[in-house]
Protein backbone atom coordinates (compact mmCIF):
# COMPACT_ATOMS: atom_id res chain seq x y z
CA MET A 1 92.55 144.62 103.97
CA VAL A 2 91.11 142.00 106.30
CA GLY A 3 87.72 143.73 106.66
CA SER A 4 85.64 144.73 109.61
CA PRO A 5 86.17 142.76 112.84
CA ARG A 6 82.68 141.23 112.67
CA ALA A 7 83.20 139.96 109.11
CA GLN A 8 86.55 138.29 109.84
CA PRO A 9 86.77 134.52 109.47
CA PRO A 10 87.83 132.47 112.53
CA GLU A 11 91.42 131.96 111.29
CA VAL A 12 91.89 135.75 111.19
CA LYS A 13 90.38 136.21 114.65
CA LEU A 14 93.04 133.83 115.98
CA ARG A 15 95.76 136.19 114.69
CA LEU A 16 94.18 139.60 115.26
CA GLY A 17 92.61 141.06 118.37
CA HIS A 18 92.71 143.36 121.36
CA TYR A 19 94.41 141.98 124.47
CA VAL A 20 94.51 143.14 128.08
CA SER A 21 96.30 142.52 131.32
CA ASP A 22 93.77 143.22 134.04
CA ALA A 23 96.43 143.13 136.75
CA ARG A 24 98.58 145.73 134.99
CA GLY A 25 95.88 147.88 133.36
CA LEU A 26 97.54 147.30 130.00
CA GLY A 27 95.74 147.12 126.66
CA VAL A 28 97.24 146.35 123.27
CA THR A 29 96.12 145.47 119.76
CA ILE A 30 98.10 142.62 118.20
CA ASP A 31 97.91 141.96 114.46
CA ARG A 32 99.70 138.82 113.21
CA THR A 33 97.98 138.71 109.80
CA SER A 34 100.86 140.15 107.74
CA GLU A 35 104.10 139.09 106.15
CA LEU A 36 107.01 141.30 105.17
CA SER A 37 109.33 140.04 102.43
CA GLY A 38 108.05 136.52 103.05
CA ARG A 39 108.71 136.65 106.82
CA ARG A 40 106.05 136.45 109.50
CA VAL A 41 105.64 139.67 111.45
CA ALA A 42 103.36 141.10 114.09
CA LYS A 43 102.16 144.66 114.46
CA LEU A 44 101.47 145.94 117.95
CA ARG A 45 99.84 149.15 119.19
CA TYR A 46 99.42 150.03 122.85
CA ASP A 47 96.12 151.62 123.88
CA GLY A 48 96.29 155.42 123.93
CA THR A 49 99.12 155.62 121.39
CA ALA A 50 99.25 156.01 117.62
CA ASP A 51 102.63 154.28 117.20
CA ILE A 52 102.67 150.84 115.63
CA VAL A 53 105.59 148.59 116.55
CA LEU A 54 106.72 146.06 113.93
CA LEU A 55 107.93 142.75 115.36
CA GLU A 56 109.73 139.94 113.53
CA ALA A 57 108.83 136.32 114.29
CA GLN A 58 111.32 133.63 115.19
CA PRO A 59 110.83 130.14 116.60
CA GLY A 60 110.95 130.05 120.37
CA SER A 61 111.12 127.24 122.88
CA ALA A 62 108.18 125.47 124.53
CA HIS A 63 106.00 125.43 121.38
CA ARG A 64 105.88 129.18 120.99
CA THR A 65 106.78 131.92 118.55
CA ASP A 66 108.84 134.85 119.81
CA TYR A 67 108.33 138.28 118.28
CA LEU A 68 111.26 140.68 118.48
CA ALA A 69 111.97 144.37 118.00
CA HIS A 70 115.62 145.39 117.71
CA ARG A 71 116.68 141.83 118.71
CA LYS A 72 114.74 142.02 121.98
CA VAL A 73 111.79 139.73 122.70
CA VAL A 74 108.57 141.71 123.03
CA LEU A 75 105.91 139.05 122.58
CA HIS A 76 105.46 135.30 123.13
CA VAL A 77 102.61 133.49 121.36
CA TYR A 78 102.18 129.84 122.30
CA GLU A 79 100.53 127.15 120.17
CA THR A 80 97.91 126.85 122.92
CA GLY A 81 96.87 130.49 122.36
CA ARG A 82 98.59 131.88 125.46
CA VAL A 83 100.06 135.35 124.85
CA GLU A 84 102.68 137.15 126.96
CA ILE A 85 104.26 140.57 126.50
CA TYR A 86 107.40 142.30 127.76
CA VAL A 87 107.13 146.02 128.50
CA GLY A 88 110.41 147.76 129.26
CA ASP A 89 112.25 145.53 131.71
CA GLU A 90 109.05 143.86 132.93
CA GLY A 91 107.61 140.62 131.79
CA PRO A 92 106.44 138.23 130.84
CA ILE A 93 103.00 139.74 131.45
CA ALA A 94 100.10 137.41 130.62
CA LEU A 95 97.49 138.85 128.25
CA ARG A 96 93.99 137.70 127.43
CA ARG A 97 92.05 138.46 124.25
CA ASP A 98 89.02 140.56 125.16
CA ARG A 99 87.63 141.63 121.79
CA ASP A 100 88.03 141.81 118.03
CA ALA A 101 90.17 144.55 116.50
CA ALA A 102 90.66 146.21 113.14
CA PRO A 103 93.91 145.39 111.30
CA LEU A 104 96.90 147.65 111.95
């Protein structure tokens, strides 16, 4: 357990948070603090839902990590901190971190 959002160290806050797209009215919690069988993963939960989507990391182009579900890219996380998401057939949709979040 990572602890309460306020007690999290900075390196955790860089990998865990709530993100929004103001233009699309989209909110999502992204948790990149876990590994599964030694592989980096991300957990994602859209606002208003209880479902948690498990994404597997793979190196992407342009200094980013791509996160996939069922071999389809869902999330881009760039070394600069930029985050983009694909929803259905739309994307990339730029997200900004707006607050801390509890781990998924």
